[in-house]
Amino acid sequence: LGTDNSTDHVFIIGSAVHIYRRQNQVNATVQEINNFIDTTNRTIFVSPPYYYPDQRFTAELVRDQAEVYRGLLPNVAPQNADHPFLDVYELTRSCMWKNCSYDRAHRSRFVNRWKAQLLLNTLCEVQ
């Protein structure tokens, strides 16, 4: 990794579900993430994925994660170009095949490849 002033690195961070489980409040989660985004440079925040409701992911948790996602949108790109954002919520929500996820939360390899392609498209410039 480069020094703080260099431009040869970027941090990719996605932690919404873990912060939410600690805070257990949508607004507090959004505020903590926005505070972090506002104080860091060279960071791309990854949206929370969509969680399919089941025994582990209640309808309430699924709803709250959607609210966290929507709560982040005003503070991230494209609304705020200073805060790049990798939006995987809609991508993971739209994948309805049985093999999109092996446990209804973690994604299969081909979905993760989609996410990696989004990241490359965000980072790379066409020459």
Foldseek 3Di string as FASTA:
>chain_A
DDDQPDDPAAAEEECLLVLCVVVVDLVVSLVVVLVVQVPHARYEYEQAAQFDDDPVQHPVNNVSSVSNRVSNVCRAPPNPPRHHYQYRHVVRVPDDDPQQPPVRHHGDPVSVVVSVVSVCVVPDDDD
